[in-house]
PDB file of N, CA and C in Angstrom:
ATOM      1  N   MET A   1       9.002 -26.103 -28.926  1.00  0.00           N
ATOM      2  CA  MET A   1       9.128 -25.364 -27.721  1.00  0.00           C
ATOM      3  C   MET A   1       9.114 -23.802 -27.653  1.00  0.00           C
ATOM      4  N   CYS A   2       8.752 -23.119 -26.561  1.00  0.00           N
ATOM      5  CA  CYS A   2       8.499 -21.571 -26.850  1.00  0.00           C
ATOM      6  C   CYS A   2       9.383 -21.587 -25.995  1.00  0.00           C
ATOM      7  N   HIS A   3      10.457 -20.264 -26.106  1.00  0.00           N
ATOM      8  CA  HIS A   3      11.307 -19.895 -25.253  1.00  0.00           C
ATOM      9  C   HIS A   3      10.895 -18.264 -25.289  1.00  0.00           C
ATOM     10  N   ILE A   4      10.817 -17.598 -23.971  1.00  0.00           N
ATOM     11  CA  ILE A   4      10.513 -16.287 -24.018  1.00  0.00           C
ATOM     12  C   ILE A   4      11.837 -15.605 -23.190  1.00  0.00           C
ATOM     13  N   VAL A   5      11.765 -14.690 -23.916  1.00  0.00           N
ATOM     14  CA  VAL A   5      12.833 -13.468 -23.180  1.00  0.00           C
ATOM     15  C   VAL A   5      12.354 -12.714 -23.119  1.00  0.00           C
ATOM     16  N   CYS A   6      12.321 -11.598 -21.472  1.00  0.00           N
ATOM     17  CA  CYS A   6      11.892 -10.786 -21.495  1.00  0.00           C
ATOM     18  C   CYS A   6      12.870  -9.732 -20.353  1.00  0.00           C
ATOM     19  N   HIS A   7      12.543  -8.558 -20.958  1.00  0.00           N
ATOM     20  CA  HIS A   7      13.886  -7.386 -20.168  1.00  0.00           C
ATOM     21  C   HIS A   7      12.894  -6.179 -19.777  1.00  0.00           C
ATOM     22  N   VAL A   8      12.806  -5.538 -18.419  1.00  0.00           N
ATOM     23  CA  VAL A   8      12.005  -4.493 -18.091  1.00  0.00           C
ATOM     24  C   VAL A   8      13.379  -3.588 -17.447  1.00  0.00           C
ATOM     25  N   CYS A   9      12.847  -2.383 -18.128  1.00  0.00           N
ATOM     26  CA  CYS A   9      14.192  -1.273 -17.945  1.00  0.00           C
ATOM     27  C   CYS A   9      13.397   0.002 -17.878  1.00  0.00           C
ATOM     28  N   VAL A  10      13.595   0.804 -16.757  1.00  0.00           N
ATOM     29  CA  VAL A  10      13.215   2.010 -16.870  1.00  0.00           C
ATOM     30  C   VAL A  10      13.797   2.934 -17.965  1.00  0.00           C
ATOM     31  N   LEU A  11      13.159   4.178 -18.173  1.00  0.00           N
ATOM     32  CA  LEU A  11      13.499   5.103 -19.242  1.00  0.00           C
ATOM     33  C   LEU A  11      14.521   5.234 -19.599  1.00  0.00           C
ATOM     34  N   ASP A  12      15.506   5.226 -18.730  1.00  0.00           N
ATOM     35  CA  ASP A  12      17.036   5.732 -18.786  1.00  0.00           C
ATOM     36  C   ASP A  12      17.961   4.513 -19.254  1.00  0.00           C
ATOM     37  N   GLY A  13      17.324   3.407 -19.350  1.00  0.00           N
ATOM     38  CA  GLY A  13      18.125   2.009 -19.828  1.00  0.00           C
ATOM     39  C   GLY A  13      18.369   1.125 -18.770  1.00  0.00           C
ATOM     40  N   ASP A  14      18.435   1.383 -17.372  1.00  0.00           N
ATOM     41  CA  ASP A  14      18.589   0.430 -16.278  1.00  0.00           C
ATOM     42  C   ASP A  14      17.686  -0.569 -16.277  1.00  0.00           C
ATOM     43  N   ARG A  15      18.353  -1.728 -16.352  1.00  0.00           N
ATOM     44  CA  ARG A  15      17.611  -2.806 -15.975  1.00  0.00           C
ATOM     45  C   ARG A  15      17.236  -3.470 -14.676  1.00  0.00           C
ATOM     46  N   LEU A  16      15.603  -3.449 -14.460  1.00  0.00           N
ATOM     47  CA  LEU A  16      14.984  -3.207 -13.071  1.00  0.00           C
ATOM     48  C   LEU A  16      15.409  -4.733 -12.708  1.00  0.00           C
ATOM     49  N   ALA A  17      15.517  -5.024 -11.305  1.00  0.00           N
ATOM     50  CA  ALA A  17      15.698  -6.737 -10.746  1.00  0.00           C
ATOM     51  C   ALA A  17      14.228  -6.925 -10.816  1.00  0.00           C
ATOM     52  N   LYS A  18      14.323  -8.706 -10.833  1.00  0.00           N
ATOM     53  CA  LYS A  18      13.271  -9.589 -11.021  1.00  0.00           C
ATOM     54  C   LYS A  18      12.055  -9.513  -9.754  1.00  0.00           C
ATOM     55  N   SER A  19      13.180  -9.073  -8.696  1.00  0.00           N
ATOM     56  CA  SER A  19      12.125  -9.117  -7.281  1.00  0.00           C
ATOM     57  C   SER A  19      11.234  -7.499  -7.354  1.00  0.00           C
ATOM     58  N   THR A  20      11.545  -6.765  -8.317  1.00  0.00           N
ATOM     59  CA  THR A  20      10.728  -5.477  -8.232  1.00  0.00           C
ATOM     60  C   THR A  20       9.410  -5.974  -7.993  1.00  0.00           C
ATOM     61  N   PRO A  21       8.680  -5.333  -7.053  1.00  0.00           N
ATOM     62  CA  PRO A  21       7.164  -5.499  -7.150  1.00  0.00           C
ATOM     63  C   PRO A  21       6.534  -4.382  -7.884  1.00  0.00           C
ATOM     64  N   ILE A  22       5.334  -5.201  -8.388  1.00  0.00           N
ATOM     65  CA  ILE A  22       4.503  -4.455  -9.576  1.00  0.00           C
ATOM     66  C   ILE A  22       4.308  -3.052  -9.545  1.00  0.00           C
ATOM     67  N   ASP A  23       3.642  -2.688  -8.176  1.00  0.00           N
ATOM     68  CA  ASP A  23       3.590  -1.548  -7.922  1.00  0.00           C
ATOM     69  C   ASP A  23       4.389  -0.544  -8.051  1.00  0.00           C
ATOM     70  N   VAL A  24       5.747  -0.611  -7.803  1.00  0.00           N
ATOM     71  CA  VAL A  24       6.737  -0.168  -7.787  1.00  0.00           C
ATOM     72  C   VAL A  24       6.865   0.156  -9.222  1.00  0.00           C
ATOM     73  N   LEU A  25       6.826  -1.090 -10.049  1.00  0.00           N
ATOM     74  CA  LEU A  25       7.190  -0.768 -11.549  1.00  0.00           C
ATOM     75  C   LEU A  25       6.149   0.211 -12.036  1.00  0.00           C
ATOM     76  N   LEU A  26       5.065   0.266 -11.920  1.00  0.00           N
ATOM     77  CA  LEU A  26       3.877   1.007 -12.005  1.00  0.00           C
ATOM     78  C   LEU A  26       3.603   2.089 -12.270  1.00  0.00           C
ATOM     79  N   ARG A  27       4.826   2.618 -11.079  1.00  0.00           N
ATOM     80  CA  ARG A  27       4.820   4.356 -10.601  1.00  0.00           C
ATOM     81  C   ARG A  27       5.247   5.261 -11.779  1.00  0.00           C
ATOM     82  N   ARG A  28       6.001   4.464 -12.851  1.00  0.00           N
ATOM     83  CA  ARG A  28       6.745   5.508 -13.968  1.00  0.00           C
ATOM     84  C   ARG A  28       6.598   4.803 -15.176  1.00  0.00           C
ATOM     85  N   ASP A  29       6.883   5.245 -16.213  1.00  0.00           N
ATOM     86  CA  ASP A  29       7.026   4.479 -17.634  1.00  0.00           C
ATOM     87  C   ASP A  29       7.856   3.514 -17.263  1.00  0.00           C
ATOM     88  N   PHE A  30       8.097   2.819 -18.278  1.00  0.00           N
ATOM     89  CA  PHE A  30       8.940   1.905 -18.257  1.00  0.00           C
ATOM     90  C   PHE A  30       9.179   1.202 -19.739  1.00  0.00           C
ATOM     91  N   HIS A  31      10.110   0.455 -20.022  1.00  0.00           N
ATOM     92  CA  HIS A  31      10.496  -0.141 -21.565  1.00  0.00           C
ATOM     93  C   HIS A  31      10.674  -1.667 -21.085  1.00  0.00           C
ATOM     94  N   ILE A  32       9.893  -2.438 -22.093  1.00  0.00           N
ATOM     95  CA  ILE A  32       9.952  -4.260 -21.649  1.00  0.00           C
ATOM     96  C   ILE A  32      10.210  -4.597 -22.912  1.00  0.00           C
ATOM     97  N   THR A  33      11.068  -5.528 -23.013  1.00  0.00           N
ATOM     98  CA  THR A  33      11.522  -5.935 -24.254  1.00  0.00           C
ATOM     99  C   THR A  33      11.181  -7.568 -24.241  1.00  0.00           C
ATOM    100  N   ILE A  34      10.385  -8.189 -24.993  1.00  0.00           N
ATOM    101  CA  ILE A  34       9.848  -9.324 -25.480  1.00  0.00           C
ATOM    102  C   ILE A  34      10.206 -10.143 -26.523  1.00  0.00           C
ATOM    103  N   ASN A  35      11.267 -10.981 -26.418  1.00  0.00           N
ATOM    104  CA  ASN A  35      11.601 -11.596 -27.829  1.00  0.00           C
ATOM    105  C   ASN A  35      12.299 -10.681 -28.727  1.00  0.00           C
ATOM    106  N   ASP A  36      13.038  -9.518 -28.156  1.00  0.00           N
ATOM    107  CA  ASP A  36      13.701  -8.743 -29.315  1.00  0.00           C
ATOM    108  C   ASP A  36      12.592  -7.708 -29.679  1.00  0.00           C
ATOM    109  N   LYS A  37      11.435  -7.693 -29.225  1.00  0.00           N
ATOM    110  CA  LYS A  37      10.370  -6.875 -29.460  1.00  0.00           C
ATOM    111  C   LYS A  37      10.347  -5.646 -28.410  1.00  0.00           C
ATOM    112  N   HIS A  38      10.463  -4.288 -28.597  1.00  0.00           N
ATOM    113  CA  HIS A  38      10.785  -3.186 -27.836  1.00  0.00           C
ATOM    114  C   HIS A  38       9.318  -2.466 -27.665  1.00  0.00           C
ATOM    115  N   TYR A  39       8.595  -2.369 -26.367  1.00  0.00           N
ATOM    116  CA  TYR A  39       7.692  -1.752 -26.063  1.00  0.00           C
ATOM    117  C   TYR A  39       7.775  -0.519 -24.917  1.00  0.00           C
ATOM    118  N   THR A  40       7.248   0.320 -25.152  1.00  0.00           N
ATOM    119  CA  THR A  40       7.281   1.237 -24.091  1.00  0.00           C
ATOM    120  C   THR A  40       5.649   1.305 -23.103  1.00  0.00           C
ATOM    121  N   VAL A  41       5.869   1.186 -21.874  1.00  0.00           N
ATOM    122  CA  VAL A  41       4.589   1.021 -21.099  1.00  0.00           C
ATOM    123  C   VAL A  41       4.487   2.424 -20.269  1.00  0.00           C
ATOM    124  N   LYS A  42       3.208   3.106 -20.321  1.00  0.00           N
ATOM    125  CA  LYS A  42       2.871   4.295 -19.921  1.00  0.00           C
ATOM    126  C   LYS A  42       2.331   3.872 -18.838  1.00  0.00           C
ATOM    127  N   SER A  43       2.800   4.497 -17.835  1.00  0.00           N
ATOM    128  CA  SER A  43       2.328   4.061 -16.456  1.00  0.00           C
ATOM    129  C   SER A  43       0.825   4.615 -16.303  1.00  0.00           C
ATOM    130  N   PRO A  44       0.046   3.945 -15.295  1.00  0.00           N
ATOM    131  CA  PRO A  44      -1.196   4.710 -15.140  1.00  0.00           C
ATOM    132  C   PRO A  44      -1.639   5.567 -14.253  1.00  0.00           C
ATOM    133  N   LEU A  45      -0.467   5.427 -13.613  1.00  0.00           N
ATOM    134  CA  LEU A  45      -0.268   6.603 -12.102  1.00  0.00           C
ATOM    135  C   LEU A  45       0.911   7.711 -12.456  1.00  0.00           C
ATOM    136  N   ASP A  46       0.645   8.748 -12.295  1.00  0.00           N
ATOM    137  CA  ASP A  46       1.427   9.505 -12.419  1.00  0.00           C
ATOM    138  C   ASP A  46       2.241   9.959 -10.945  1.00  0.00           C
ATOM    139  N   ALA A  47       3.158  10.974 -10.769  1.00  0.00           N
ATOM    140  CA  ALA A  47       3.690  11.069  -9.304  1.00  0.00           C
ATOM    141  C   ALA A  47       2.775  11.942  -8.418  1.00  0.00           C
ATOM    142  N   GLY A  48       2.108  12.711  -9.191  1.00  0.00           N
ATOM    143  CA  GLY A  48       0.932  13.019  -8.296  1.00  0.00           C
ATOM    144  C   GLY A  48      -0.326  12.328  -7.793  1.00  0.00           C
ATOM    145  N   MET A  49      -0.662  11.242  -8.671  1.00  0.00           N
ATOM    146  CA  MET A  49      -1.407  10.416  -8.538  1.00  0.00           C
ATOM    147  C   MET A  49      -0.874   9.327  -7.509  1.00  0.00           C
ATOM    148  N   CYS A  50       0.506   8.851  -7.505  1.00  0.00           N
ATOM    149  CA  CYS A  50       1.105   8.069  -6.193  1.00  0.00           C
ATOM    150  C   CYS A  50       1.337   8.918  -4.989  1.00  0.00           C
ATOM    151  N   LEU A  51       1.361  10.151  -4.879  1.00  0.00           N
ATOM    152  CA  LEU A  51       1.516  10.813  -3.862  1.00  0.00           C
ATOM    153  C   LEU A  51       0.084  10.733  -3.020  1.00  0.00           C
ATOM    154  N   LEU A  52      -0.727  11.084  -3.582  1.00  0.00           N
ATOM    155  CA  LEU A  52      -2.028  11.170  -3.281  1.00  0.00           C
ATOM    156  C   LEU A  52      -2.533   9.982  -2.821  1.00  0.00           C
ATOM    157  N   LEU A  53      -2.432   8.608  -3.589  1.00  0.00           N
ATOM    158  CA  LEU A  53      -2.471   7.187  -2.887  1.00  0.00           C
ATOM    159  C   LEU A  53      -1.758   7.130  -1.599  1.00  0.00           C
ATOM    160  N   VAL A  54      -0.592   7.337  -1.505  1.00  0.00           N
ATOM    161  CA  VAL A  54       0.197   7.364  -0.314  1.00  0.00           C
ATOM    162  C   VAL A  54      -0.411   8.310   0.880  1.00  0.00           C
ATOM    163  N   VAL A  55      -0.876   9.128   0.501  1.00  0.00           N
ATOM    164  CA  VAL A  55      -1.649  10.145   1.561  1.00  0.00           C
ATOM    165  C   VAL A  55      -2.572   9.735   2.149  1.00  0.00           C
ATOM    166  N   VAL A  56      -3.893   9.019   0.913  1.00  0.00           N
ATOM    167  CA  VAL A  56      -4.927   8.502   1.541  1.00  0.00           C
ATOM    168  C   VAL A  56      -4.729   7.534   2.584  1.00  0.00           C
ATOM    169  N   VAL A  57      -3.521   6.405   1.904  1.00  0.00           N
ATOM    170  CA  VAL A  57      -3.493   5.265   2.704  1.00  0.00           C
ATOM    171  C   VAL A  57      -3.030   5.359   4.397  1.00  0.00           C
ATOM    172  N   VAL A  58      -2.188   6.878   4.426  1.00  0.00           N
ATOM    173  CA  VAL A  58      -1.878   7.287   5.576  1.00  0.00           C
ATOM    174  C   VAL A  58      -3.060   7.799   6.641  1.00  0.00           C
ATOM    175  N   VAL A  59      -3.878   8.526   5.868  1.00  0.00           N
ATOM    176  CA  VAL A  59      -4.869   9.146   6.774  1.00  0.00           C
ATOM    177  C   VAL A  59      -5.839   7.970   7.222  1.00  0.00           C
ATOM    178  N   VAL A  60      -6.010   7.165   6.121  1.00  0.00           N
ATOM    179  CA  VAL A  60      -7.026   5.697   6.333  1.00  0.00           C
ATOM    180  C   VAL A  60      -6.303   5.004   7.870  1.00  0.00           C
ATOM    181  N   VAL A  61      -5.088   4.634   7.715  1.00  0.00           N
ATOM    182  CA  VAL A  61      -4.451   4.037   8.912  1.00  0.00           C
ATOM    183  C   VAL A  61      -4.547   4.813  10.234  1.00  0.00           C
ATOM    184  N   VAL A  62      -4.481   6.105   9.948  1.00  0.00           N
ATOM    185  CA  VAL A  62      -4.278   6.937  11.476  1.00  0.00           C
ATOM    186  C   VAL A  62      -6.006   6.861  11.679  1.00  0.00           C
ATOM    187  N   VAL A  63      -6.757   7.175  10.753  1.00  0.00           N
ATOM    188  CA  VAL A  63      -8.022   6.783  11.350  1.00  0.00           C
ATOM    189  C   VAL A  63      -8.573   5.414  11.898  1.00  0.00           C
ATOM    190  N   VAL A  64      -7.933   4.553  11.456  1.00  0.00           N
ATOM    191  CA  VAL A  64      -8.307   3.207  12.165  1.00  0.00           C
ATOM    192  C   VAL A  64      -7.639   2.907  13.283  1.00  0.00           C
ATOM    193  N   VAL A  65      -6.465   3.317  13.582  1.00  0.00           N
ATOM    194  CA  VAL A  65      -5.742   3.206  14.899  1.00  0.00           C
ATOM    195  C   VAL A  65      -6.308   4.500  15.946  1.00  0.00           C
ATOM    196  N   VAL A  66      -6.721   5.368  15.419  1.00  0.00           N
ATOM    197  CA  VAL A  66      -7.564   6.364  16.422  1.00  0.00           C
ATOM    198  C   VAL A  66      -9.099   5.646  17.086  1.00  0.00           C
ATOM    199  N   VAL A  67      -9.665   4.878  15.782  1.00  0.00           N
ATOM    200  CA  VAL A  67     -10.850   3.989  16.380  1.00  0.00           C
ATOM    201  C   VAL A  67     -10.328   2.899  17.242  1.00  0.00           C
ATOM    202  N   VAL A  68      -9.534   2.325  16.817  1.00  0.00           N
ATOM    203  CA  VAL A  68      -9.388   1.259  17.727  1.00  0.00           C
ATOM    204  C   VAL A  68      -8.512   1.775  19.174  1.00  0.00           C
ATOM    205  N   ILE A  69      -8.081   2.718  19.259  1.00  0.00           N
ATOM    206  CA  ILE A  69      -7.636   3.421  20.664  1.00  0.00           C
ATOM    207  C   ILE A  69      -8.949   3.640  21.487  1.00  0.00           C
ATOM    208  N   VAL A  70     -10.173   4.569  21.021  1.00  0.00           N
ATOM    209  CA  VAL A  70     -11.249   4.935  21.340  1.00  0.00           C
ATOM    210  C   VAL A  70     -11.826   3.586  21.871  1.00  0.00           C
ATOM    211  N   VAL A  71     -12.124   2.464  20.873  1.00  0.00           N
ATOM    212  CA  VAL A  71     -12.682   1.345  21.655  1.00  0.00           C
ATOM    213  C   VAL A  71     -12.269   0.696  22.597  1.00  0.00           C
ATOM    214  N   LEU A  72     -10.958   0.355  22.485  1.00  0.00           N
ATOM    215  CA  LEU A  72     -10.286  -0.110  23.727  1.00  0.00           C
ATOM    216  C   LEU A  72     -10.091   0.808  25.282  1.00  0.00           C
ATOM    217  N   VAL A  73     -10.081   2.181  25.043  1.00  0.00           N
ATOM    218  CA  VAL A  73     -10.375   3.146  26.056  1.00  0.00           C
ATOM    219  C   VAL A  73     -12.157   2.959  27.026  1.00  0.00           C
ATOM    220  N   VAL A  74     -12.835   2.896  25.749  1.00  0.00           N
ATOM    221  CA  VAL A  74     -14.276   2.645  26.123  1.00  0.00           C
ATOM    222  C   VAL A  74     -14.684   0.936  26.786  1.00  0.00           C
ATOM    223  N   VAL A  75     -13.908   0.048  26.214  1.00  0.00           N
ATOM    224  CA  VAL A  75     -13.818  -1.232  26.967  1.00  0.00           C
ATOM    225  C   VAL A  75     -13.239  -0.905  28.180  1.00  0.00           C
ATOM    226  N   VAL A  76     -11.775  -0.627  28.623  1.00  0.00           N
ATOM    227  CA  VAL A  76     -11.614  -0.273  29.708  1.00  0.00           C
ATOM    228  C   VAL A  76     -12.275   0.280  30.913  1.00  0.00           C
ATOM    229  N   VAL A  77     -12.728   1.484  30.495  1.00  0.00           N
ATOM    230  CA  VAL A  77     -13.576   2.187  31.334  1.00  0.00           C
ATOM    231  C   VAL A  77     -14.967   1.781  31.771  1.00  0.00           C
ATOM    232  N   LEU A  78     -15.522   0.661  30.934  1.00  0.00           N
ATOM    233  CA  LEU A  78     -16.525  -0.170  30.993  1.00  0.00           C
ATOM    234  C   LEU A  78     -16.441  -1.085  32.074  1.00  0.00           C
ATOM    235  N   LEU A  79     -15.294  -1.761  32.009  1.00  0.00           N
ATOM    236  CA  LEU A  79     -14.630  -3.015  32.568  1.00  0.00           C
ATOM    237  C   LEU A  79     -14.038  -2.414  34.245  1.00  0.00           C
ATOM    238  N   VAL A  80     -13.790  -1.157  34.014  1.00  0.00           N
ATOM    239  CA  VAL A  80     -13.335  -0.315  35.458  1.00  0.00           C
ATOM    240  C   VAL A  80     -14.754   0.016  36.156  1.00  0.00           C
ATOM    241  N   MET A  81     -15.877   0.418  35.647  1.00  0.00           N
ATOM    242  CA  MET A  81     -16.601   0.970  36.184  1.00  0.00           C
ATOM    243  C   MET A  81     -17.843   0.113  36.702  1.00  0.00           C
ATOM    244  N   GLN A  82     -17.779  -1.224  35.895  1.00  0.00           N
ATOM    245  CA  GLN A  82     -19.072  -2.272  36.233  1.00  0.00           C
ATOM    246  C   GLN A  82     -18.849  -2.700  37.484  1.00  0.00           C
ATOM    247  N   PRO A  83     -17.208  -3.045  38.318  1.00  0.00           N
ATOM    248  CA  PRO A  83     -17.515  -3.499  39.560  1.00  0.00           C
ATOM    249  C   PRO A  83     -18.057  -2.781  40.636  1.00  0.00           C
ATOM    250  N   GLN A  84     -17.665  -1.276  40.334  1.00  0.00           N
ATOM    251  CA  GLN A  84     -18.072  -0.154  41.275  1.00  0.00           C
ATOM    252  C   GLN A  84     -19.495  -0.083  41.010  1.00  0.00           C
ATOM    253  N   GLN A  85     -20.300  -0.255  40.086  1.00  0.00           N
ATOM    254  CA  GLN A  85     -21.751   0.142  39.951  1.00  0.00           C
ATOM    255  C   GLN A  85     -22.614  -1.316  40.504  1.00  0.00           C
ATOM    256  N   ILE A  86     -21.824  -2.627  40.460  1.00  0.00           N
ATOM    257  CA  ILE A  86     -22.304  -3.351  41.482  1.00  0.00           C
ATOM    258  C   ILE A  86     -22.209  -3.543  42.889  1.00  0.00           C
ATOM    259  N   TYR A  87     -21.153  -2.925  43.253  1.00  0.00           N
ATOM    260  CA  TYR A  87     -21.063  -2.932  44.777  1.00  0.00           C
ATOM    261  C   TYR A  87     -21.948  -1.747  45.179  1.00  0.00           C
ATOM    262  N   GLU A  88     -21.869  -0.600  44.490  1.00  0.00           N
ATOM    263  CA  GLU A  88     -22.912   0.366  44.746  1.00  0.00           C
ATOM    264  C   GLU A  88     -24.676   0.133  45.006  1.00  0.00           C
ATOM    265  N   HIS A  89     -25.198  -0.755  44.004  1.00  0.00           N
ATOM    266  CA  HIS A  89     -26.414  -1.230  44.386  1.00  0.00           C
ATOM    267  C   HIS A  89     -26.854  -2.299  45.126  1.00  0.00           C
ATOM    268  N   THR A  90     -25.619  -3.200  46.067  1.00  0.00           N
ATOM    269  CA  THR A  90     -26.112  -3.798  46.851  1.00  0.00           C
ATOM    270  C   THR A  90     -26.134  -3.305  48.274  1.00  0.00           C
TER     271      THR A  90
END
């Protein structure tokens, strides 16, 4: 039977909770210990890249919200104007 013990710590030695999401873990370098063998994992994202990613996500969300609002306004305008046009033609 194989028994694996694994601990994940930030560089200052504090252990991370099991519930820490992987995206949070990958925001900075960390240590991982597997069966008493220690490894240092370099984050693929540095702080600048994390900030850039957050900005891009926020911009995309804002654009999507604006597009949805514009579509809703167009639909409402079309629904309001359509009955008036019907009555004008009869």
